Amino acid sequence: MIQDYYSGVERIFKRIAAEIDERLPKGENWHKSLLDQMKIEVPGVRPRVISKTTYSKLDDLRSFRHRVGNIYGFNLIPERVLAHLLALPELDVSFRNDVRTFLQEMKSIVKDRIVKEKLDNIGKPELTF
């Protein structure tokens, strides 16, 4: 469940990176680089996707997922697993709020671009063939 949650978040981030940023991280540390990419604004392209608080929580979860993926289940510390599981609802609220804010800001950016484009084209002759 914990791994699945982070994988879902990462799919959202990959889509933003590929379709909006047009830059999907590569290499051995691409998971960390992708998360880092989402905490920063890309000037002229998009606002930050997540807050510093959400970033910190997701980075901890990413690190945990990496450890789980590279060790056997019997080596897991039950208290650590439980702590991540109990923190998940709060993280989810934070993540959803950040994404909602991101989408609202993107909507405004796109709207502003459309209006600017229309204003720039006022008085220009239309090309018809």
C-alpha atoms as a PDB file:
ATOM      1  CA  MET A   1       0.000   0.000   0.000  1.00  0.00           C
ATOM      2  CA  ILE A   2       2.763   2.454   0.930  1.00  0.00           C
ATOM      3  CA  GLN A   3       4.745   1.639  -2.201  1.00  0.00           C
ATOM      4  CA  ASP A   4       1.612   1.863  -4.342  1.00  0.00           C
ATOM      5  CA  TYR A   5       0.812   5.337  -3.027  1.00  0.00           C
ATOM      6  CA  TYR A   6       4.258   6.681  -3.893  1.00  0.00           C
ATOM      7  CA  SER A   7       4.184   4.985  -7.293  1.00  0.00           C
ATOM      8  CA  GLY A   8       0.896   6.765  -8.055  1.00  0.00           C
ATOM      9  CA  VAL A   9       2.332  10.129  -7.029  1.00  0.00           C
ATOM     10  CA  GLU A  10       5.384   9.461  -9.162  1.00  0.00           C
ATOM     11  CA  ARG A  11       3.219   8.712 -12.219  1.00  0.00           C
ATOM     12  CA  ILE A  12       1.600  12.139 -11.830  1.00  0.00           C
ATOM     13  CA  PHE A  13       5.035  13.753 -11.566  1.00  0.00           C
ATOM     14  CA  LYS A  14       6.318  11.896 -14.629  1.00  0.00           C
ATOM     15  CA  ARG A  15       3.410  13.171 -16.672  1.00  0.00           C
ATOM     16  CA  ILE A  16       4.008  16.772 -15.568  1.00  0.00           C
ATOM     17  CA  ALA A  17       7.734  16.436 -16.273  1.00  0.00           C
ATOM     18  CA  ALA A  18       7.175  14.948 -19.730  1.00  0.00           C
ATOM     19  CA  GLU A  19       4.230  17.024 -20.935  1.00  0.00           C
ATOM     20  CA  ILE A  20       4.730  20.403 -19.284  1.00  0.00           C
ATOM     21  CA  ASP A  21       8.429  20.637 -18.436  1.00  0.00           C
ATOM     22  CA  GLU A  22       9.382  18.556 -21.482  1.00  0.00           C
ATOM     23  CA  ARG A  23      12.195  17.174 -19.362  1.00  0.00           C
ATOM     24  CA  LEU A  24      11.991  13.758 -17.738  1.00  0.00           C
ATOM     25  CA  PRO A  25      14.965  12.953 -15.496  1.00  0.00           C
ATOM     26  CA  LYS A  26      17.164  10.016 -16.428  1.00  0.00           C
ATOM     27  CA  GLY A  27      19.943   8.072 -14.810  1.00  0.00           C
ATOM     28  CA  GLU A  28      20.420   6.149 -11.630  1.00  0.00           C
ATOM     29  CA  ASN A  29      18.881   8.812  -9.358  1.00  0.00           C
ATOM     30  CA  TRP A  30      15.936   9.750 -11.566  1.00  0.00           C
ATOM     31  CA  HIS A  31      13.380   9.108  -8.790  1.00  0.00           C
ATOM     32  CA  LYS A  32      15.017  11.707  -6.521  1.00  0.00           C
ATOM     33  CA  SER A  33      15.618  14.107  -9.418  1.00  0.00           C
ATOM     34  CA  LEU A  34      11.960  13.906 -10.433  1.00  0.00           C
ATOM     35  CA  LEU A  35      10.830  14.711  -6.896  1.00  0.00           C
ATOM     36  CA  ASP A  36      13.315  17.604  -6.742  1.00  0.00           C
ATOM     37  CA  GLN A  37      11.974  18.905 -10.067  1.00  0.00           C
ATOM     38  CA  MET A  38       8.427  19.057  -8.690  1.00  0.00           C
ATOM     39  CA  LYS A  39       9.340  21.294  -5.737  1.00  0.00           C
ATOM     40  CA  ILE A  40      10.639  24.103  -7.921  1.00  0.00           C
ATOM     41  CA  GLU A  41       8.925  26.581 -10.205  1.00  0.00           C
ATOM     42  CA  VAL A  42       9.903  26.486 -13.861  1.00  0.00           C
ATOM     43  CA  PRO A  43       9.826  30.194 -14.754  1.00  0.00           C
ATOM     44  CA  GLY A  44       7.575  30.960 -17.677  1.00  0.00           C
ATOM     45  CA  VAL A  45       6.321  27.366 -17.758  1.00  0.00           C
ATOM     46  CA  ARG A  46       4.707  26.313 -14.493  1.00  0.00           C
ATOM     47  CA  PRO A  47       4.531  26.954 -10.741  1.00  0.00           C
ATOM     48  CA  ARG A  48       5.977  24.493  -8.260  1.00  0.00           C
ATOM     49  CA  VAL A  49       3.841  21.372  -7.958  1.00  0.00           C
ATOM     50  CA  ILE A  50       4.438  20.603  -4.275  1.00  0.00           C
ATOM     51  CA  SER A  51       5.284  22.573  -1.153  1.00  0.00           C
ATOM     52  CA  LYS A  52       8.458  22.102   0.866  1.00  0.00           C
ATOM     53  CA  THR A  53       6.434  20.282   3.532  1.00  0.00           C
ATOM     54  CA  THR A  54       4.939  17.834   1.049  1.00  0.00           C
ATOM     55  CA  TYR A  55       8.336  17.423  -0.602  1.00  0.00           C
ATOM     56  CA  SER A  56       9.915  16.444   2.704  1.00  0.00           C
ATOM     57  CA  LYS A  57       7.213  13.880   3.446  1.00  0.00           C
ATOM     58  CA  LEU A  58       7.357  12.436  -0.062  1.00  0.00           C
ATOM     59  CA  ASP A  59      11.162  12.268   0.022  1.00  0.00           C
ATOM     60  CA  ASP A  60      10.987  10.264   3.234  1.00  0.00           C
ATOM     61  CA  LEU A  61       8.441   7.945   1.640  1.00  0.00           C
ATOM     62  CA  ARG A  62      10.548   7.647  -1.533  1.00  0.00           C
ATOM     63  CA  SER A  63      13.563   6.673   0.538  1.00  0.00           C
ATOM     64  CA  PHE A  64      11.515   4.107   2.457  1.00  0.00           C
ATOM     65  CA  ARG A  65      10.142   2.655  -0.784  1.00  0.00           C
ATOM     66  CA  HIS A  66      13.682   2.338  -2.122  1.00  0.00           C
ATOM     67  CA  ARG A  67      14.802   0.455   0.997  1.00  0.00           C
ATOM     68  CA  VAL A  68      11.757  -1.831   0.883  1.00  0.00           C
ATOM     69  CA  GLY A  69      12.448  -2.599  -2.767  1.00  0.00           C
ATOM     70  CA  ASN A  70      16.025  -3.568  -2.020  1.00  0.00           C
ATOM     71  CA  ILE A  71      15.674  -5.716   1.117  1.00  0.00           C
ATOM     72  CA  TYR A  72      13.647  -8.702   2.104  1.00  0.00           C
ATOM     73  CA  GLY A  73      10.409  -8.145   4.003  1.00  0.00           C
ATOM     74  CA  PHE A  74      11.624  -9.911   7.134  1.00  0.00           C
ATOM     75  CA  ASN A  75      14.322  -7.239   7.534  1.00  0.00           C
ATOM     76  CA  LEU A  76      11.750  -4.444   7.775  1.00  0.00           C
ATOM     77  CA  ILE A  77      11.248  -2.762  11.123  1.00  0.00           C
ATOM     78  CA  PRO A  78       7.525  -3.026  11.885  1.00  0.00           C
ATOM     79  CA  GLU A  79       7.456   0.275  13.789  1.00  0.00           C
ATOM     80  CA  ARG A  80       8.907   2.087  10.760  1.00  0.00           C
ATOM     81  CA  VAL A  81       6.326   0.529   8.445  1.00  0.00           C
ATOM     82  CA  LEU A  82       3.543   1.482  10.847  1.00  0.00           C
ATOM     83  CA  ALA A  83       4.829   5.053  11.141  1.00  0.00           C
ATOM     84  CA  HIS A  84       4.721   5.470   7.346  1.00  0.00           C
ATOM     85  CA  LEU A  85       1.285   3.917   7.162  1.00  0.00           C
ATOM     86  CA  LEU A  86      -0.091   6.216   9.868  1.00  0.00           C
ATOM     87  CA  ALA A  87       1.457   9.284   8.207  1.00  0.00           C
ATOM     88  CA  LEU A  88      -0.125   8.494   4.843  1.00  0.00           C
ATOM     89  CA  PRO A  89      -3.520  10.215   5.391  1.00  0.00           C
ATOM     90  CA  GLU A  90      -1.870  13.519   6.381  1.00  0.00           C
ATOM     91  CA  LEU A  91       0.521  13.278   3.439  1.00  0.00           C
ATOM     92  CA  ASP A  92      -2.378  12.588   1.099  1.00  0.00           C
ATOM     93  CA  VAL A  93      -4.251  15.706   2.259  1.00  0.00           C
ATOM     94  CA  SER A  94      -1.116  17.813   1.807  1.00  0.00           C
ATOM     95  CA  PHE A  95      -0.398  16.332  -1.632  1.00  0.00           C
ATOM     96  CA  ARG A  96      -3.976  16.786  -2.859  1.00  0.00           C
ATOM     97  CA  ASN A  97      -4.031  20.418  -1.676  1.00  0.00           C
ATOM     98  CA  ASP A  98      -0.737  21.112  -3.444  1.00  0.00           C
ATOM     99  CA  VAL A  99      -1.947  19.537  -6.681  1.00  0.00           C
ATOM    100  CA  ARG A 100      -5.218  21.459  -6.479  1.00  0.00           C
ATOM    101  CA  THR A 101      -3.272  24.721  -6.083  1.00  0.00           C
ATOM    102  CA  PHE A 102      -0.955  23.745  -8.939  1.00  0.00           C
ATOM    103  CA  LEU A 103      -3.899  23.054 -11.257  1.00  0.00           C
ATOM    104  CA  GLN A 104      -5.566  26.367 -10.379  1.00  0.00           C
ATOM    105  CA  GLU A 105      -2.343  28.263 -11.075  1.00  0.00           C
ATOM    106  CA  MET A 106      -1.810  26.377 -14.352  1.00  0.00           C
ATOM    107  CA  LYS A 107      -5.353  27.204 -15.418  1.00  0.00           C
ATOM    108  CA  SER A 108      -4.627  30.879 -14.808  1.00  0.00           C
ATOM    109  CA  ILE A 109      -1.328  30.699 -16.716  1.00  0.00           C
ATOM    110  CA  VAL A 110      -2.983  29.044 -19.717  1.00  0.00           C
ATOM    111  CA  LYS A 111      -5.864  31.536 -19.665  1.00  0.00           C
ATOM    112  CA  ASP A 112      -3.409  34.458 -19.559  1.00  0.00           C
ATOM    113  CA  ARG A 113      -1.472  33.009 -22.492  1.00  0.00           C
ATOM    114  CA  ILE A 114      -4.627  32.608 -24.570  1.00  0.00           C
ATOM    115  CA  VAL A 115      -5.743  36.185 -23.838  1.00  0.00           C
ATOM    116  CA  LYS A 116      -2.269  37.532 -24.640  1.00  0.00           C
ATOM    117  CA  GLU A 117      -2.197  35.593 -27.912  1.00  0.00           C
ATOM    118  CA  LYS A 118      -5.601  36.972 -28.902  1.00  0.00           C
ATOM    119  CA  LEU A 119      -4.540  40.516 -28.028  1.00  0.00           C
ATOM    120  CA  ASP A 120      -1.308  40.124 -29.978  1.00  0.00           C
ATOM    121  CA  ASN A 121      -3.312  39.085 -33.045  1.00  0.00           C
ATOM    122  CA  ILE A 122      -5.752  42.004 -33.002  1.00  0.00           C
ATOM    123  CA  GLY A 123      -5.433  43.925 -36.228  1.00  0.00           C
ATOM    124  CA  LYS A 124      -3.315  41.330 -37.930  1.00  0.00           C
ATOM    125  CA  PRO A 125      -4.775  40.042 -41.163  1.00  0.00           C
ATOM    126  CA  GLU A 126      -5.932  36.450 -41.151  1.00  0.00           C
ATOM    127  CA  LEU A 127      -4.190  34.124 -43.514  1.00  0.00           C
ATOM    128  CA  THR A 128      -6.677  32.292 -45.679  1.00  0.00           C
ATOM    129  CA  PHE A 129      -6.001  29.986 -48.531  1.00  0.00           C
END
